[in-house]
C-alpha atoms as a PDB file:
ATOM      1  CA  MET A   1     -66.366 -57.539-110.664  1.00  0.00           C
ATOM      2  CA  LYS A   2     -63.853 -56.982-113.375  1.00  0.00           C
ATOM      3  CA  LYS A   3     -61.404 -55.438-110.900  1.00  0.00           C
ATOM      4  CA  SER A   4     -61.652 -58.773-108.585  1.00  0.00           C
ATOM      5  CA  LEU A   5     -61.261 -60.900-111.698  1.00  0.00           C
ATOM      6  CA  LEU A   6     -58.139 -58.964-112.624  1.00  0.00           C
ATOM      7  CA  ILE A   7     -56.650 -59.000-109.201  1.00  0.00           C
ATOM      8  CA  PHE A   8     -57.395 -62.802-108.935  1.00  0.00           C
ATOM      9  CA  CYS A   9     -55.869 -63.678-112.344  1.00  0.00           C
ATOM     10  CA  THR A  10     -52.779 -61.471-111.393  1.00  0.00           C
ATOM     11  CA  ILE A  11     -52.260 -63.630-108.247  1.00  0.00           C
ATOM     12  CA  VAL A  12     -53.018 -67.136-109.708  1.00  0.00           C
ATOM     13  CA  ALA A  13     -51.497 -66.801-113.167  1.00  0.00           C
ATOM     14  CA  PRO A  14     -47.770 -66.648-112.098  1.00  0.00           C
ATOM     15  CA  LEU A  15     -48.475 -69.572-109.709  1.00  0.00           C
ATOM     16  CA  ALA A  16     -49.586 -71.497-112.558  1.00  0.00           C
ATOM     17  CA  ALA A  17     -46.930 -70.680-114.920  1.00  0.00           C
ATOM     18  CA  THR A  18     -44.075 -71.467-112.631  1.00  0.00           C
ATOM     19  CA  PRO A  19     -44.561 -75.218-111.888  1.00  0.00           C
ATOM     20  CA  VAL A  20     -41.156 -76.069-112.899  1.00  0.00           C
ATOM     21  CA  LEU A  21     -39.936 -74.101-110.041  1.00  0.00           C
ATOM     22  CA  ALA A  22     -42.086 -75.100-107.301  1.00  0.00           C
ATOM     23  CA  ASN A  23     -43.519 -78.455-106.066  1.00  0.00           C
ATOM     24  CA  ASP A  24     -46.949 -79.407-107.602  1.00  0.00           C
ATOM     25  CA  SER A  25     -48.314 -79.555-104.056  1.00  0.00           C
ATOM     26  CA  THR A  26     -47.288 -75.786-103.626  1.00  0.00           C
ATOM     27  CA  VAL A  27     -48.879 -74.736-106.660  1.00  0.00           C
ATOM     28  CA  THR A  28     -51.956 -76.681-106.048  1.00  0.00           C
ATOM     29  CA  GLY A  29     -52.307 -75.407-102.450  1.00  0.00           C
ATOM     30  CA  ALA A  30     -51.526 -71.888-103.596  1.00  0.00           C
ATOM     31  CA  ALA A  31     -54.175 -71.914-106.253  1.00  0.00           C
ATOM     32  CA  GLY A  32     -56.824 -73.597-104.214  1.00  0.00           C
ATOM     33  CA  GLY A  33     -56.087 -71.221-101.298  1.00  0.00           C
ATOM     34  CA  ALA A  34     -56.414 -68.305-103.545  1.00  0.00           C
ATOM     35  CA  VAL A  35     -59.649 -69.359-105.041  1.00  0.00           C
ATOM     36  CA  THR A  36     -61.040 -70.219-101.438  1.00  0.00           C
ATOM     37  CA  GLY A  37     -59.974 -66.815-100.125  1.00  0.00           C
ATOM     38  CA  ALA A  38     -61.493 -65.001-103.158  1.00  0.00           C
ATOM     39  CA  ILE A  39     -64.878 -66.475-102.385  1.00  0.00           C
ATOM     40  CA  VAL A  40     -64.609 -65.671 -98.718  1.00  0.00           C
ATOM     41  CA  GLY A  41     -62.881 -62.440 -98.614  1.00  0.00           C
ATOM     42  CA  GLY A  42     -62.618 -61.073-102.158  1.00  0.00           C
ATOM     43  CA  PRO A  43     -59.353 -59.775-103.540  1.00  0.00           C
ATOM     44  CA  VAL A  44     -57.626 -59.356-100.467  1.00  0.00           C
ATOM     45  CA  GLY A  45     -59.044 -62.877 -99.377  1.00  0.00           C
ATOM     46  CA  ALA A  46     -57.510 -64.348-102.711  1.00  0.00           C
ATOM     47  CA  ALA A  47     -53.936 -62.931-101.727  1.00  0.00           C
ATOM     48  CA  VAL A  48     -53.888 -64.238 -98.298  1.00  0.00           C
ATOM     49  CA  GLY A  49     -55.492 -67.552 -99.293  1.00  0.00           C
ATOM     50  CA  GLY A  50     -52.893 -68.190-101.941  1.00  0.00           C
ATOM     51  CA  VAL A  51     -49.985 -67.562 -99.610  1.00  0.00           C
ATOM     52  CA  VAL A  52     -51.609 -69.757 -96.934  1.00  0.00           C
ATOM     53  CA  GLY A  53     -52.220 -72.336 -99.527  1.00  0.00           C
ATOM     54  CA  ALA A  54     -48.752 -72.424-100.856  1.00  0.00           C
ATOM     55  CA  ILE A  55     -47.383 -72.819 -97.331  1.00  0.00           C
ATOM     56  CA  ALA A  56     -49.863 -75.735 -96.629  1.00  0.00           C
ATOM     57  CA  GLY A  57     -49.075 -77.406 -99.898  1.00  0.00           C
ATOM     58  CA  THR A  58     -45.424 -77.332 -99.284  1.00  0.00           C
ATOM     59  CA  ALA A  59     -45.670 -78.677 -95.767  1.00  0.00           C
ATOM     60  CA  LEU A  60     -47.870 -81.721 -96.811  1.00  0.00           C
ATOM     61  CA  ASN A  61     -45.605 -83.035 -99.613  1.00  0.00           C
ATOM     62  CA  PRO A  62     -45.694 -86.819 -99.291  1.00  0.00           C
ATOM     63  CA  PRO A  63     -42.505 -88.607 -98.876  1.00  0.00           C
ATOM     64  CA  PRO A  64     -41.210 -90.649-102.119  1.00  0.00           C
ATOM     65  CA  ARG A  65     -42.411 -94.166-102.685  1.00  0.00           C
ATOM     66  CA  GLU A  66     -38.954 -95.747-102.080  1.00  0.00           C
ATOM     67  CA  VAL A  67     -38.928 -93.984 -98.596  1.00  0.00           C
ATOM     68  CA  VAL A  68     -42.443 -95.425 -97.678  1.00  0.00           C
ATOM     69  CA  THR A  69     -41.279 -98.839 -98.822  1.00  0.00           C
ATOM     70  CA  TYR A  70     -38.008 -98.921 -96.815  1.00  0.00           C
ATOM     71  CA  VAL A  71     -39.875 -97.764 -93.565  1.00  0.00           C
ATOM     72  CA  ARG A  72     -42.750-100.462 -94.180  1.00  0.00           C
ATOM     73  CA  GLU A  73     -40.171-103.185 -94.514  1.00  0.00           C
ATOM     74  CA  ARG A  74     -38.071-102.468 -91.298  1.00  0.00           C
ATOM     75  CA  PRO A  75     -38.608-104.769 -88.341  1.00  0.00           C
ATOM     76  CA  VAL A  76     -40.295-103.390 -85.399  1.00  0.00           C
ATOM     77  CA  PRO A  77     -37.836-102.497 -82.888  1.00  0.00           C
ATOM     78  CA  THR A  78     -37.717-104.221 -79.456  1.00  0.00           C
ATOM     79  CA  ALA A  79     -37.024-101.043 -77.382  1.00  0.00           C
ATOM     80  CA  LYS A  80     -39.744 -99.384 -75.306  1.00  0.00           C
ATOM     81  CA  PRO A  81     -42.574 -98.055 -77.148  1.00  0.00           C
ATOM     82  CA  VAL A  82     -43.069 -94.309 -77.941  1.00  0.00           C
ATOM     83  CA  ILE A  83     -46.536 -93.034 -76.715  1.00  0.00           C
ATOM     84  CA  ILE A  84     -47.659 -89.537 -77.085  1.00  0.00           C
ATOM     85  CA  ARG A  85     -50.916 -88.029 -76.096  1.00  0.00           C
ATOM     86  CA  GLU A  86     -51.493 -86.369 -79.447  1.00  0.00           C
ATOM     87  CA  GLU A  87     -52.998 -88.422 -82.527  1.00  0.00           C
ATOM     88  CA  VAL A  88     -50.255 -89.027 -84.874  1.00  0.00           C
ATOM     89  CA  ARG A  89     -51.002 -87.692 -88.517  1.00  0.00           C
ATOM     90  CA  VAL A  90     -49.309 -85.722 -91.230  1.00  0.00           C
ATOM     91  CA  GLY A  91     -48.318 -82.393 -89.635  1.00  0.00           C
ATOM     92  CA  THR A  92     -48.020 -83.618 -86.198  1.00  0.00           C
ATOM     93  CA  LYS A  93     -44.807 -82.029 -84.521  1.00  0.00           C
ATOM     94  CA  LEU A  94     -43.155 -84.833 -82.430  1.00  0.00           C
ATOM     95  CA  PRO A  95     -41.314 -84.119 -79.020  1.00  0.00           C
ATOM     96  CA  ARG A  96     -37.556 -83.967 -79.456  1.00  0.00           C
ATOM     97  CA  GLN A  97     -37.063 -86.866 -77.142  1.00  0.00           C
ATOM     98  CA  VAL A  98     -38.543 -89.227 -79.883  1.00  0.00           C
ATOM     99  CA  VAL A  99     -35.506 -91.121 -81.244  1.00  0.00           C
ATOM    100  CA  LEU A 100     -35.336 -90.948 -85.037  1.00  0.00           C
ATOM    101  CA  THR A 101     -33.928 -93.439 -87.345  1.00  0.00           C
ATOM    102  CA  PRO A 102     -32.195 -91.993 -90.533  1.00  0.00           C
ATOM    103  CA  VAL A 103     -33.147 -93.445 -93.884  1.00  0.00           C
ATOM    104  CA  PRO A 104     -30.197 -94.474 -95.658  1.00  0.00           C
ATOM    105  CA  ASP A 105     -29.297 -92.259 -98.657  1.00  0.00           C
ATOM    106  CA  ARG A 106     -32.200 -90.020 -97.838  1.00  0.00           C
ATOM    107  CA  PRO A 107     -30.858 -87.466 -95.275  1.00  0.00           C
ATOM    108  CA  ASP A 108     -34.146 -85.380 -95.448  1.00  0.00           C
ATOM    109  CA  TYR A 109     -36.134 -88.438 -94.055  1.00  0.00           C
ATOM    110  CA  SER A 110     -36.215 -90.265 -90.919  1.00  0.00           C
ATOM    111  CA  TYR A 111     -38.569 -92.594 -89.230  1.00  0.00           C
ATOM    112  CA  ALA A 112     -39.881 -93.766 -85.906  1.00  0.00           C
ATOM    113  CA  ILE A 113     -42.552 -95.880 -84.457  1.00  0.00           C
ATOM    114  CA  VAL A 114     -45.046 -93.850 -82.424  1.00  0.00           C
ATOM    115  CA  ASN A 115     -48.286 -94.739 -80.767  1.00  0.00           C
ATOM    116  CA  LYS A 116     -47.621 -98.297 -82.588  1.00  0.00           C
ATOM    117  CA  GLU A 117     -47.496 -96.490 -86.054  1.00  0.00           C
ATOM    118  CA  ARG A 118     -44.709 -96.241 -88.271  1.00  0.00           C
ATOM    119  CA  VAL A 119     -44.173 -92.516 -89.275  1.00  0.00           C
ATOM    120  CA  ILE A 120     -41.854 -90.793 -91.699  1.00  0.00           C
ATOM    121  CA  VAL A 121     -40.391 -87.595 -90.035  1.00  0.00           C
ATOM    122  CA  ASP A 122     -38.497 -84.604 -91.381  1.00  0.00           C
ATOM    123  CA  PRO A 123     -35.378 -84.852 -88.993  1.00  0.00           C
ATOM    124  CA  GLN A 124     -34.781 -81.093 -89.081  1.00  0.00           C
ATOM    125  CA  THR A 125     -38.230 -79.989 -87.726  1.00  0.00           C
ATOM    126  CA  TYR A 126     -39.689 -83.339 -86.189  1.00  0.00           C
ATOM    127  CA  VAL A 127     -42.890 -82.896 -88.246  1.00  0.00           C
ATOM    128  CA  VAL A 128     -44.464 -86.174 -89.430  1.00  0.00           C
ATOM    129  CA  VAL A 129     -44.614 -86.217 -93.230  1.00  0.00           C
ATOM    130  CA  GLY A 130     -46.065 -89.492 -93.598  1.00  0.00           C
ATOM    131  CA  VAL A 131     -47.878 -92.484 -91.673  1.00  0.00           C
ATOM    132  CA  VAL A 132     -47.052 -95.861 -93.033  1.00  0.00           C
ATOM    133  CA  ASN A 133     -49.916 -98.366 -92.655  1.00  0.00           C
END
């Protein structure tokens, strides 16, 4: 039991001590993943869970408020609507055929209207990072 606790603390403590160097969601994801992994798989599960949680926490970092506001206020384009089979939600990867509109002054964000929903997209990966209602 002491060995498991020591290994767990060795993995989680550095993650909690470096929030300045990482996004909050990365740290939260890593810590949550480590805890879940430790419960399910012991020390090895904690290590694997921490890595997976950090990746998931980074991927789900929501767009800033000003980007959401900008996308929400844009008029709906009159072009043919884009429909895909998959449900559009955060984490969905859009097909490269979807035309993205860049957000001015924020080159790391673009948007599109897919399945009649406004979505904020990472233009490098085409992964949906936000759905605007």
